[in-house]
Amino acid sequence: MGKVVEIRWHGRGGQGAKTASLLLADAAFNTGKYIQGFPEYGPERMGAPITAYNRISDERLTIHSNIYEPEYVVVVDDTLISAVDVTAGLKEDGAIIINTTKSPEEVRPLLKGYKGKVCTIDARTISIDTLGKYFPNTPMLGAVVKVSKVIDEKVFLNDMVESFKHKFAKKPEVVEGNIKALERSMTEVKGL
């Protein structure tokens, strides 16, 4: 099997980590890649920790398990750093992308000795500025595309315009804000 990119998302119920992982899977699929995008559920409720996964490949995927050694980890809520082992199995040639106002240097000591790339993004500010509310998943989605390079940025943005037009057919006014959130997150992610 060729290169498979594996991504693990950590968030809290209601923050959109599952939705972001599925949007990434759809966008990758639309570029001709083979994909898997799935959440891991327990008795979750709003605010409880959740995990979602992406597996993206140029060749057919034959693996059907959770992801234990991802190249990338996305942390949608930085309070999870002390609650969950977000770096478990994370490959050191990959990266962790964290929603926080802190710099990569400030966050690194909290990551249990992880030696790989640490990227941070202030998804709260971006979301509030572009969407008027706190929806961290859209800026985090843009950040993971920027850091992982799993999809060409322009191709991704074009795909997301169409996806958002469909998803928000009854609320077309939110499409522009979501695209602005993606674009801004791609320019503001730190630690590249």
C-alpha atoms as a PDB file:
ATOM      1  CA  MET A   1       0.000   0.000   0.000  1.00  0.00           C
ATOM      2  CA  GLY A   2       1.210   3.517  -0.810  1.00  0.00           C
ATOM      3  CA  LYS A   3       1.484   6.415   1.593  1.00  0.00           C
ATOM      4  CA  VAL A   4      -1.428   6.530   4.008  1.00  0.00           C
ATOM      5  CA  VAL A   5      -1.922   9.702   6.051  1.00  0.00           C
ATOM      6  CA  GLU A   6      -3.601   9.100   9.389  1.00  0.00           C
ATOM      7  CA  ILE A   7      -5.115  11.902  11.469  1.00  0.00           C
ATOM      8  CA  ARG A   8      -6.645  11.726  14.934  1.00  0.00           C
ATOM      9  CA  TRP A   9      -8.967  14.470  16.171  1.00  0.00           C
ATOM     10  CA  HIS A  10      -9.553  15.237  19.869  1.00  0.00           C
ATOM     11  CA  GLY A  11     -12.440  17.488  20.807  1.00  0.00           C
ATOM     12  CA  ARG A  12     -15.437  17.792  23.055  1.00  0.00           C
ATOM     13  CA  GLY A  13     -18.971  16.869  22.097  1.00  0.00           C
ATOM     14  CA  GLY A  14     -20.568  19.801  20.273  1.00  0.00           C
ATOM     15  CA  GLN A  15     -17.330  21.410  19.023  1.00  0.00           C
ATOM     16  CA  GLY A  16     -17.536  19.831  15.579  1.00  0.00           C
ATOM     17  CA  ALA A  17     -14.460  17.561  15.570  1.00  0.00           C
ATOM     18  CA  LYS A  18     -16.508  14.749  14.032  1.00  0.00           C
ATOM     19  CA  THR A  19     -17.979  17.097  11.420  1.00  0.00           C
ATOM     20  CA  ALA A  20     -14.539  18.493  10.538  1.00  0.00           C
ATOM     21  CA  SER A  21     -13.098  14.992  10.112  1.00  0.00           C
ATOM     22  CA  LEU A  22     -15.978  14.077   7.793  1.00  0.00           C
ATOM     23  CA  LEU A  23     -15.581  17.306   5.781  1.00  0.00           C
ATOM     24  CA  LEU A  24     -11.876  16.547   5.353  1.00  0.00           C
ATOM     25  CA  ALA A  25     -12.729  13.017   4.208  1.00  0.00           C
ATOM     26  CA  ASP A  26     -15.249  14.335   1.679  1.00  0.00           C
ATOM     27  CA  ALA A  27     -12.791  16.904   0.312  1.00  0.00           C
ATOM     28  CA  ALA A  28     -10.045  14.271  -0.043  1.00  0.00           C
ATOM     29  CA  PHE A  29     -12.490  11.874  -1.726  1.00  0.00           C
ATOM     30  CA  ASN A  30     -13.415  14.596  -4.221  1.00  0.00           C
ATOM     31  CA  THR A  31      -9.743  14.801  -5.257  1.00  0.00           C
ATOM     32  CA  GLY A  32      -9.729  11.075  -6.099  1.00  0.00           C
ATOM     33  CA  LYS A  33      -8.204   9.794  -2.890  1.00  0.00           C
ATOM     34  CA  TYR A  34      -9.389   6.816  -0.891  1.00  0.00           C
ATOM     35  CA  ILE A  35     -10.665   7.906   2.487  1.00  0.00           C
ATOM     36  CA  GLN A  36     -11.996   6.917   5.844  1.00  0.00           C
ATOM     37  CA  GLY A  37     -13.524   9.391   8.274  1.00  0.00           C
ATOM     38  CA  PHE A  38     -15.120   8.078  11.432  1.00  0.00           C
ATOM     39  CA  PRO A  39     -15.775   8.977  15.060  1.00  0.00           C
ATOM     40  CA  GLU A  40     -15.219   6.829  18.115  1.00  0.00           C
ATOM     41  CA  TYR A  41     -18.245   6.934  20.356  1.00  0.00           C
ATOM     42  CA  GLY A  42     -19.036   5.999  23.881  1.00  0.00           C
ATOM     43  CA  PRO A  43     -21.821   7.481  25.965  1.00  0.00           C
ATOM     44  CA  GLU A  44     -20.776  10.992  24.861  1.00  0.00           C
ATOM     45  CA  ARG A  45     -22.725  14.069  25.631  1.00  0.00           C
ATOM     46  CA  MET A  46     -22.200  17.755  25.040  1.00  0.00           C
ATOM     47  CA  GLY A  47     -18.778  18.685  26.429  1.00  0.00           C
ATOM     48  CA  ALA A  48     -17.465  15.127  26.902  1.00  0.00           C
ATOM     49  CA  PRO A  49     -14.154  14.205  25.184  1.00  0.00           C
ATOM     50  CA  ILE A  50     -14.597  12.605  21.751  1.00  0.00           C
ATOM     51  CA  THR A  51     -12.188  11.217  19.173  1.00  0.00           C
ATOM     52  CA  ALA A  52     -12.543  11.177  15.395  1.00  0.00           C
ATOM     53  CA  TYR A  53     -10.234   9.807  12.715  1.00  0.00           C
ATOM     54  CA  ASN A  54      -9.182  10.253   9.092  1.00  0.00           C
ATOM     55  CA  ARG A  55      -7.272   7.862   6.906  1.00  0.00           C
ATOM     56  CA  ILE A  56      -6.368   9.227   3.444  1.00  0.00           C
ATOM     57  CA  SER A  57      -4.520   7.351   0.698  1.00  0.00           C
ATOM     58  CA  ASP A  58      -3.841   7.309  -3.040  1.00  0.00           C
ATOM     59  CA  GLU A  59      -4.559   3.574  -3.028  1.00  0.00           C
ATOM     60  CA  ARG A  60      -7.478   1.482  -1.791  1.00  0.00           C
ATOM     61  CA  LEU A  61      -7.582   1.253   1.999  1.00  0.00           C
ATOM     62  CA  THR A  62      -7.739  -2.227   3.484  1.00  0.00           C
ATOM     63  CA  ILE A  63      -7.218  -1.218   7.124  1.00  0.00           C
ATOM     64  CA  HIS A  64     -10.411  -0.962   9.190  1.00  0.00           C
ATOM     65  CA  SER A  65      -9.355  -0.099  12.718  1.00  0.00           C
ATOM     66  CA  ASN A  66      -8.887   2.922  14.911  1.00  0.00           C
ATOM     67  CA  ILE A  67      -5.723   4.903  14.353  1.00  0.00           C
ATOM     68  CA  TYR A  68      -3.010   4.219  16.907  1.00  0.00           C
ATOM     69  CA  GLU A  69       0.039   5.887  15.309  1.00  0.00           C
ATOM     70  CA  PRO A  70      -1.176   8.997  13.473  1.00  0.00           C
ATOM     71  CA  GLU A  71       1.009  11.388  11.525  1.00  0.00           C
ATOM     72  CA  TYR A  72      -1.172  14.273  12.720  1.00  0.00           C
ATOM     73  CA  VAL A  73      -3.221  14.992  15.811  1.00  0.00           C
ATOM     74  CA  VAL A  74      -5.732  17.839  15.932  1.00  0.00           C
ATOM     75  CA  VAL A  75      -6.704  19.142  19.383  1.00  0.00           C
ATOM     76  CA  VAL A  76      -9.885  21.217  19.067  1.00  0.00           C
ATOM     77  CA  ASP A  77      -9.999  22.045  22.795  1.00  0.00           C
ATOM     78  CA  ASP A  78      -6.704  22.704  24.578  1.00  0.00           C
ATOM     79  CA  THR A  79      -8.158  21.656  27.972  1.00  0.00           C
ATOM     80  CA  LEU A  80      -7.926  18.096  26.652  1.00  0.00           C
ATOM     81  CA  ILE A  81      -4.110  18.253  26.810  1.00  0.00           C
ATOM     82  CA  SER A  82      -4.271  17.618  30.556  1.00  0.00           C
ATOM     83  CA  ALA A  83      -7.278  15.252  30.367  1.00  0.00           C
ATOM     84  CA  VAL A  84      -6.305  12.927  27.492  1.00  0.00           C
ATOM     85  CA  ASP A  85      -2.942  11.643  26.239  1.00  0.00           C
ATOM     86  CA  VAL A  86      -3.214  13.558  22.956  1.00  0.00           C
ATOM     87  CA  THR A  87       0.318  12.598  21.864  1.00  0.00           C
ATOM     88  CA  ALA A  88      -0.176   8.831  22.344  1.00  0.00           C
ATOM     89  CA  GLY A  89       1.334   7.107  19.313  1.00  0.00           C
ATOM     90  CA  LEU A  90       1.882  10.405  17.456  1.00  0.00           C
ATOM     91  CA  LYS A  91       4.741  10.018  14.997  1.00  0.00           C
ATOM     92  CA  GLU A  92       7.570  12.452  15.544  1.00  0.00           C
ATOM     93  CA  ASP A  93       7.830  13.194  11.812  1.00  0.00           C
ATOM     94  CA  GLY A  94       4.219  14.404  11.924  1.00  0.00           C
ATOM     95  CA  ALA A  95       2.692  17.247  13.912  1.00  0.00           C
ATOM     96  CA  ILE A  96       0.185  18.165  16.570  1.00  0.00           C
ATOM     97  CA  ILE A  97      -2.144  21.092  15.833  1.00  0.00           C
ATOM     98  CA  ILE A  98      -3.700  22.716  18.899  1.00  0.00           C
ATOM     99  CA  ASN A  99      -6.458  25.304  19.244  1.00  0.00           C
ATOM    100  CA  THR A 100      -4.945  27.717  21.770  1.00  0.00           C
ATOM    101  CA  THR A 101      -3.864  31.305  22.203  1.00  0.00           C
ATOM    102  CA  LYS A 102      -0.447  30.029  23.311  1.00  0.00           C
ATOM    103  CA  SER A 103       2.596  29.729  21.074  1.00  0.00           C
ATOM    104  CA  PRO A 104       4.042  26.337  20.098  1.00  0.00           C
ATOM    105  CA  GLU A 105       6.920  26.970  22.521  1.00  0.00           C
ATOM    106  CA  GLU A 106       4.497  27.590  25.421  1.00  0.00           C
ATOM    107  CA  VAL A 107       2.528  24.392  24.693  1.00  0.00           C
ATOM    108  CA  ARG A 108       5.438  21.995  24.083  1.00  0.00           C
ATOM    109  CA  PRO A 109       6.217  21.417  27.815  1.00  0.00           C
ATOM    110  CA  LEU A 110       2.648  20.145  28.308  1.00  0.00           C
ATOM    111  CA  LEU A 111       3.015  17.418  25.642  1.00  0.00           C
ATOM    112  CA  LYS A 112       4.719  14.634  27.609  1.00  0.00           C
ATOM    113  CA  GLY A 113       8.071  14.938  25.857  1.00  0.00           C
ATOM    114  CA  TYR A 114       6.731  14.922  22.277  1.00  0.00           C
ATOM    115  CA  LYS A 115       9.656  15.895  20.019  1.00  0.00           C
ATOM    116  CA  GLY A 116       7.808  16.482  16.720  1.00  0.00           C
ATOM    117  CA  LYS A 117       6.331  19.623  15.216  1.00  0.00           C
ATOM    118  CA  VAL A 118       3.921  21.591  17.404  1.00  0.00           C
ATOM    119  CA  CYS A 119       1.531  23.971  15.649  1.00  0.00           C
ATOM    120  CA  THR A 120      -0.975  26.288  17.279  1.00  0.00           C
ATOM    121  CA  ILE A 121      -3.932  28.258  15.998  1.00  0.00           C
ATOM    122  CA  ASP A 122      -6.317  30.624  17.780  1.00  0.00           C
ATOM    123  CA  ALA A 123      -9.493  29.086  16.363  1.00  0.00           C
ATOM    124  CA  ARG A 124     -11.683  30.939  18.876  1.00  0.00           C
ATOM    125  CA  THR A 125     -10.683  34.402  17.655  1.00  0.00           C
ATOM    126  CA  ILE A 126     -10.852  33.389  14.002  1.00  0.00           C
ATOM    127  CA  SER A 127     -14.280  31.827  14.472  1.00  0.00           C
ATOM    128  CA  ILE A 128     -15.745  34.773  16.374  1.00  0.00           C
ATOM    129  CA  ASP A 129     -14.282  37.283  13.880  1.00  0.00           C
ATOM    130  CA  THR A 130     -15.503  35.433  10.771  1.00  0.00           C
ATOM    131  CA  LEU A 131     -18.621  33.594  11.961  1.00  0.00           C
ATOM    132  CA  GLY A 132     -19.817  35.705  14.875  1.00  0.00           C
ATOM    133  CA  LYS A 133     -19.863  32.628  17.154  1.00  0.00           C
ATOM    134  CA  TYR A 134     -17.436  30.058  18.486  1.00  0.00           C
ATOM    135  CA  PHE A 135     -17.294  27.147  16.042  1.00  0.00           C
ATOM    136  CA  PRO A 136     -13.677  25.897  16.328  1.00  0.00           C
ATOM    137  CA  ASN A 137     -13.999  23.076  13.793  1.00  0.00           C
ATOM    138  CA  THR A 138     -13.842  25.259  10.661  1.00  0.00           C
ATOM    139  CA  PRO A 139     -10.555  27.011  11.562  1.00  0.00           C
ATOM    140  CA  MET A 140      -9.097  23.689  12.765  1.00  0.00           C
ATOM    141  CA  LEU A 141      -9.999  22.084   9.437  1.00  0.00           C
ATOM    142  CA  GLY A 142      -8.111  24.817   7.572  1.00  0.00           C
ATOM    143  CA  ALA A 143      -5.134  24.437   9.900  1.00  0.00           C
ATOM    144  CA  VAL A 144      -4.882  20.658   9.404  1.00  0.00           C
ATOM    145  CA  VAL A 145      -4.954  21.066   5.609  1.00  0.00           C
ATOM    146  CA  LYS A 146      -2.196  23.697   5.836  1.00  0.00           C
ATOM    147  CA  VAL A 147       0.019  21.645   8.159  1.00  0.00           C
ATOM    148  CA  SER A 148      -0.517  18.183   6.650  1.00  0.00           C
ATOM    149  CA  LYS A 149      -0.602  19.224   2.972  1.00  0.00           C
ATOM    150  CA  VAL A 150      -2.885  16.216   2.457  1.00  0.00           C
ATOM    151  CA  ILE A 151      -4.882  18.251  -0.101  1.00  0.00           C
ATOM    152  CA  ASP A 152      -3.818  21.200  -2.254  1.00  0.00           C
ATOM    153  CA  GLU A 153      -5.069  24.337  -0.470  1.00  0.00           C
ATOM    154  CA  LYS A 154      -6.784  25.915  -3.496  1.00  0.00           C
ATOM    155  CA  VAL A 155      -8.460  22.645  -4.473  1.00  0.00           C
ATOM    156  CA  PHE A 156      -9.584  22.237  -0.862  1.00  0.00           C
ATOM    157  CA  LEU A 157     -11.019  25.761  -0.635  1.00  0.00           C
ATOM    158  CA  ASN A 158     -12.905  25.357  -3.925  1.00  0.00           C
ATOM    159  CA  ASP A 159     -14.327  22.056  -2.701  1.00  0.00           C
ATOM    160  CA  MET A 160     -15.364  23.607   0.602  1.00  0.00           C
ATOM    161  CA  VAL A 161     -17.233  26.433  -1.164  1.00  0.00           C
ATOM    162  CA  GLU A 162     -19.385  23.821  -2.889  1.00  0.00           C
ATOM    163  CA  SER A 163     -19.706  21.720   0.254  1.00  0.00           C
ATOM    164  CA  PHE A 164     -20.772  24.694   2.378  1.00  0.00           C
ATOM    165  CA  LYS A 165     -23.247  25.872  -0.291  1.00  0.00           C
ATOM    166  CA  HIS A 166     -24.880  22.451  -0.072  1.00  0.00           C
ATOM    167  CA  LYS A 167     -24.623  22.095   3.715  1.00  0.00           C
ATOM    168  CA  PHE A 168     -25.936  25.599   4.349  1.00  0.00           C
ATOM    169  CA  ALA A 169     -28.466  25.761   1.500  1.00  0.00           C
ATOM    170  CA  LYS A 170     -31.052  27.262   3.862  1.00  0.00           C
ATOM    171  CA  LYS A 171     -28.494  29.670   5.383  1.00  0.00           C
ATOM    172  CA  PRO A 172     -26.354  30.863   2.437  1.00  0.00           C
ATOM    173  CA  GLU A 173     -25.201  33.880   4.442  1.00  0.00           C
ATOM    174  CA  VAL A 174     -22.878  31.660   6.526  1.00  0.00           C
ATOM    175  CA  VAL A 175     -20.922  30.291   3.542  1.00  0.00           C
ATOM    176  CA  GLU A 176     -18.719  33.363   3.158  1.00  0.00           C
ATOM    177  CA  GLY A 177     -17.815  33.445   6.863  1.00  0.00           C
ATOM    178  CA  ASN A 178     -16.855  29.757   6.866  1.00  0.00           C
ATOM    179  CA  ILE A 179     -14.610  30.226   3.827  1.00  0.00           C
ATOM    180  CA  LYS A 180     -12.997  33.275   5.452  1.00  0.00           C
ATOM    181  CA  ALA A 181     -12.398  31.182   8.590  1.00  0.00           C
ATOM    182  CA  LEU A 182     -10.646  28.494   6.515  1.00  0.00           C
ATOM    183  CA  GLU A 183      -8.518  31.005   4.609  1.00  0.00           C
ATOM    184  CA  ARG A 184      -7.534  32.913   7.716  1.00  0.00           C
ATOM    185  CA  SER A 185      -6.622  29.776   9.655  1.00  0.00           C
ATOM    186  CA  MET A 186      -4.301  28.697   6.837  1.00  0.00           C
ATOM    187  CA  THR A 187      -2.376  31.966   7.172  1.00  0.00           C
ATOM    188  CA  GLU A 188      -2.397  32.207  10.973  1.00  0.00           C
ATOM    189  CA  VAL A 189      -1.303  28.717  12.023  1.00  0.00           C
ATOM    190  CA  LYS A 190       1.979  28.971  13.978  1.00  0.00           C
ATOM    191  CA  GLY A 191       4.869  26.524  14.109  1.00  0.00           C
ATOM    192  CA  LEU A 192       5.147  25.585  10.421  1.00  0.00           C
END
